[in-house]
């Protein structure tokens, strides 16, 4: 049997990240791959790569059968992880924008997200 059809932990192509957010903004398609991890984020590259191939396959179907093609596609890979709880329960009133643009499946942008913190989608699109 082909290893492409095999399943198991050692086969990254049968893995997926936790969430994919797709935004169409001014003829540009933003694809944000998000994985949730605990305090020690690791082992995510295969999940991102497998999910990326599924999204690319889906975009290929859209182009093939509906003649819809995007002029620009931006892909971002984000790890949201929980760390140690803060000593003080402080929350910022103004969210800091982070640059996720240069991330790759094997070098994803990592953001610690303590309990109770809200993220804005705009942060992940910059």
C-alpha atoms as a PDB file:
ATOM      1  CA  UNK A   1       0.000   0.000   0.000  1.00  0.00           C
ATOM      2  CA  UNK A   2       1.216   3.505  -0.761  1.00  0.00           C
ATOM      3  CA  UNK A   3       2.448   5.491   2.237  1.00  0.00           C
ATOM      4  CA  UNK A   4       0.167   8.304   1.035  1.00  0.00           C
ATOM      5  CA  UNK A   5      -2.793   6.149   2.051  1.00  0.00           C
ATOM      6  CA  UNK A   6      -1.291   4.978   5.342  1.00  0.00           C
ATOM      7  CA  UNK A   7      -2.420   6.439   8.642  1.00  0.00           C
ATOM      8  CA  UNK A   8      -0.700   6.806  11.973  1.00  0.00           C
ATOM      9  CA  UNK A   9       1.336   9.268  14.008  1.00  0.00           C
ATOM     10  CA  UNK A  10       4.336   9.046  11.710  1.00  0.00           C
ATOM     11  CA  UNK A  11       2.307  10.255   8.705  1.00  0.00           C
ATOM     12  CA  UNK A  12       1.936  14.025   8.859  1.00  0.00           C
ATOM     13  CA  UNK A  13      -0.447  14.177   5.905  1.00  0.00           C
ATOM     14  CA  UNK A  14      -3.236  12.761   8.093  1.00  0.00           C
ATOM     15  CA  UNK A  15      -3.032  15.575  10.622  1.00  0.00           C
ATOM     16  CA  UNK A  16      -4.813  18.916  10.814  1.00  0.00           C
ATOM     17  CA  UNK A  17      -4.496  22.170  12.702  1.00  0.00           C
ATOM     18  CA  UNK A  18      -7.275  23.347  15.002  1.00  0.00           C
ATOM     19  CA  UNK A  19      -8.703  26.167  12.913  1.00  0.00           C
ATOM     20  CA  UNK A  20      -8.487  27.851   9.534  1.00  0.00           C
ATOM     21  CA  UNK A  21      -9.764  31.387   9.053  1.00  0.00           C
ATOM     22  CA  UNK A  22     -10.213  32.563   5.471  1.00  0.00           C
ATOM     23  CA  UNK A  23     -10.799  36.232   4.723  1.00  0.00           C
ATOM     24  CA  UNK A  24     -11.282  37.769   1.276  1.00  0.00           C
ATOM     25  CA  UNK A  25     -10.185  41.388   1.436  1.00  0.00           C
ATOM     26  CA  UNK A  26      -9.869  43.493  -1.724  1.00  0.00           C
ATOM     27  CA  UNK A  27      -9.220  40.564  -4.117  1.00  0.00           C
ATOM     28  CA  UNK A  28      -6.634  39.149  -1.717  1.00  0.00           C
ATOM     29  CA  UNK A  29      -7.307  35.910   0.094  1.00  0.00           C
ATOM     30  CA  UNK A  30      -5.881  35.669   3.615  1.00  0.00           C
ATOM     31  CA  UNK A  31      -5.593  32.153   4.993  1.00  0.00           C
ATOM     32  CA  UNK A  32      -4.732  31.958   8.678  1.00  0.00           C
ATOM     33  CA  UNK A  33      -3.862  28.523  10.017  1.00  0.00           C
ATOM     34  CA  UNK A  34      -4.268  28.410  13.795  1.00  0.00           C
ATOM     35  CA  UNK A  35      -3.211  25.719  16.208  1.00  0.00           C
ATOM     36  CA  UNK A  36      -3.846  25.714  19.939  1.00  0.00           C
ATOM     37  CA  UNK A  37      -1.101  24.382  22.178  1.00  0.00           C
ATOM     38  CA  UNK A  38      -0.303  24.180  25.850  1.00  0.00           C
ATOM     39  CA  UNK A  39       2.593  25.991  27.519  1.00  0.00           C
ATOM     40  CA  UNK A  40       5.204  24.194  25.408  1.00  0.00           C
ATOM     41  CA  UNK A  41       4.273  24.575  21.712  1.00  0.00           C
ATOM     42  CA  UNK A  42       5.934  21.992  19.480  1.00  0.00           C
ATOM     43  CA  UNK A  43       4.972  19.366  16.891  1.00  0.00           C
ATOM     44  CA  UNK A  44       2.844  21.643  14.744  1.00  0.00           C
ATOM     45  CA  UNK A  45       4.649  21.759  11.365  1.00  0.00           C
ATOM     46  CA  UNK A  46       3.031  18.577  10.023  1.00  0.00           C
ATOM     47  CA  UNK A  47      -0.402  19.762  11.073  1.00  0.00           C
ATOM     48  CA  UNK A  48       0.053  23.068   9.246  1.00  0.00           C
ATOM     49  CA  UNK A  49       1.472  21.433   6.105  1.00  0.00           C
ATOM     50  CA  UNK A  50      -1.340  18.891   5.879  1.00  0.00           C
ATOM     51  CA  UNK A  51      -4.042  21.514   6.384  1.00  0.00           C
ATOM     52  CA  UNK A  52      -2.346  23.840   3.876  1.00  0.00           C
ATOM     53  CA  UNK A  53      -2.518  21.095   1.211  1.00  0.00           C
ATOM     54  CA  UNK A  54      -6.230  20.584   1.903  1.00  0.00           C
ATOM     55  CA  UNK A  55      -6.886  24.342   1.544  1.00  0.00           C
ATOM     56  CA  UNK A  56      -4.887  24.450  -1.700  1.00  0.00           C
ATOM     57  CA  UNK A  57      -6.859  21.473  -3.005  1.00  0.00           C
ATOM     58  CA  UNK A  58     -10.114  23.278  -2.150  1.00  0.00           C
ATOM     59  CA  UNK A  59      -8.933  26.442  -3.909  1.00  0.00           C
ATOM     60  CA  UNK A  60      -8.037  24.298  -6.924  1.00  0.00           C
ATOM     61  CA  UNK A  61     -11.590  22.937  -6.991  1.00  0.00           C
ATOM     62  CA  UNK A  62     -12.942  26.479  -6.808  1.00  0.00           C
ATOM     63  CA  UNK A  63     -10.803  27.516  -9.770  1.00  0.00           C
ATOM     64  CA  UNK A  64     -11.465  24.377 -11.836  1.00  0.00           C
ATOM     65  CA  UNK A  65     -15.232  24.229 -11.465  1.00  0.00           C
ATOM     66  CA  UNK A  66     -16.205  27.847 -10.802  1.00  0.00           C
ATOM     67  CA  UNK A  67     -13.422  29.789 -12.576  1.00  0.00           C
ATOM     68  CA  UNK A  68     -12.703  31.692  -9.368  1.00  0.00           C
ATOM     69  CA  UNK A  69      -9.057  32.609  -8.904  1.00  0.00           C
ATOM     70  CA  UNK A  70      -7.525  35.023  -6.423  1.00  0.00           C
ATOM     71  CA  UNK A  71      -4.788  37.410  -7.528  1.00  0.00           C
ATOM     72  CA  UNK A  72      -2.972  37.149  -4.222  1.00  0.00           C
ATOM     73  CA  UNK A  73      -3.052  34.587  -1.424  1.00  0.00           C
ATOM     74  CA  UNK A  74      -1.381  35.299   1.901  1.00  0.00           C
ATOM     75  CA  UNK A  75      -0.879  32.412   4.285  1.00  0.00           C
ATOM     76  CA  UNK A  76      -0.117  32.871   7.971  1.00  0.00           C
ATOM     77  CA  UNK A  77       0.652  30.210  10.574  1.00  0.00           C
ATOM     78  CA  UNK A  78      -0.196  31.047  14.161  1.00  0.00           C
ATOM     79  CA  UNK A  79       0.308  29.123  17.387  1.00  0.00           C
ATOM     80  CA  UNK A  80      -1.841  30.292  20.287  1.00  0.00           C
ATOM     81  CA  UNK A  81      -0.639  28.820  23.531  1.00  0.00           C
ATOM     82  CA  UNK A  82      -1.354  29.145  27.218  1.00  0.00           C
ATOM     83  CA  UNK A  83       1.490  29.952  29.511  1.00  0.00           C
ATOM     84  CA  UNK A  84       1.868  30.297  33.211  1.00  0.00           C
ATOM     85  CA  UNK A  85      -0.929  32.346  34.806  1.00  0.00           C
ATOM     86  CA  UNK A  86       0.074  35.979  35.420  1.00  0.00           C
ATOM     87  CA  UNK A  87       0.722  37.165  38.945  1.00  0.00           C
ATOM     88  CA  UNK A  88      -1.706  40.048  38.461  1.00  0.00           C
ATOM     89  CA  UNK A  89      -4.915  39.790  36.472  1.00  0.00           C
ATOM     90  CA  UNK A  90      -4.133  42.778  34.231  1.00  0.00           C
ATOM     91  CA  UNK A  91      -5.751  43.269  30.843  1.00  0.00           C
ATOM     92  CA  UNK A  92      -4.585  45.759  28.255  1.00  0.00           C
ATOM     93  CA  UNK A  93      -7.145  48.141  26.830  1.00  0.00           C
ATOM     94  CA  UNK A  94      -5.323  48.523  23.504  1.00  0.00           C
ATOM     95  CA  UNK A  95      -4.319  45.377  21.685  1.00  0.00           C
ATOM     96  CA  UNK A  96      -0.840  45.241  20.189  1.00  0.00           C
ATOM     97  CA  UNK A  97      -0.670  44.293  16.515  1.00  0.00           C
ATOM     98  CA  UNK A  98       1.809  41.552  15.710  1.00  0.00           C
ATOM     99  CA  UNK A  99       3.426  40.808  12.380  1.00  0.00           C
ATOM    100  CA  UNK A 100       2.540  37.258  11.359  1.00  0.00           C
ATOM    101  CA  UNK A 101       3.397  37.760   7.693  1.00  0.00           C
ATOM    102  CA  UNK A 102       6.740  35.960   7.600  1.00  0.00           C
ATOM    103  CA  UNK A 103       5.612  32.784   9.316  1.00  0.00           C
ATOM    104  CA  UNK A 104       6.008  29.310   7.813  1.00  0.00           C
ATOM    105  CA  UNK A 105       4.588  25.932   8.846  1.00  0.00           C
ATOM    106  CA  UNK A 106       7.864  25.005  10.548  1.00  0.00           C
ATOM    107  CA  UNK A 107       8.440  28.504  11.997  1.00  0.00           C
ATOM    108  CA  UNK A 108       4.970  29.690  12.960  1.00  0.00           C
ATOM    109  CA  UNK A 109       4.218  32.932  14.745  1.00  0.00           C
ATOM    110  CA  UNK A 110       3.696  32.125  18.434  1.00  0.00           C
ATOM    111  CA  UNK A 111       1.460  34.141  20.711  1.00  0.00           C
ATOM    112  CA  UNK A 112       0.889  33.464  24.380  1.00  0.00           C
ATOM    113  CA  UNK A 113      -2.773  33.885  25.260  1.00  0.00           C
ATOM    114  CA  UNK A 114      -3.569  33.870  28.966  1.00  0.00           C
ATOM    115  CA  UNK A 115      -7.077  32.939  30.105  1.00  0.00           C
ATOM    116  CA  UNK A 116      -9.637  35.671  29.544  1.00  0.00           C
ATOM    117  CA  UNK A 117      -7.720  37.507  26.810  1.00  0.00           C
ATOM    118  CA  UNK A 118      -9.530  38.279  23.564  1.00  0.00           C
ATOM    119  CA  UNK A 119      -7.798  38.439  20.212  1.00  0.00           C
ATOM    120  CA  UNK A 120      -8.928  40.542  17.310  1.00  0.00           C
ATOM    121  CA  UNK A 121      -8.828  39.057  13.830  1.00  0.00           C
ATOM    122  CA  UNK A 122      -7.139  42.237  12.614  1.00  0.00           C
ATOM    123  CA  UNK A 123      -4.101  41.327  14.735  1.00  0.00           C
ATOM    124  CA  UNK A 124      -3.639  38.120  12.768  1.00  0.00           C
ATOM    125  CA  UNK A 125      -4.083  39.790   9.372  1.00  0.00           C
ATOM    126  CA  UNK A 126      -1.178  42.215   9.755  1.00  0.00           C
END
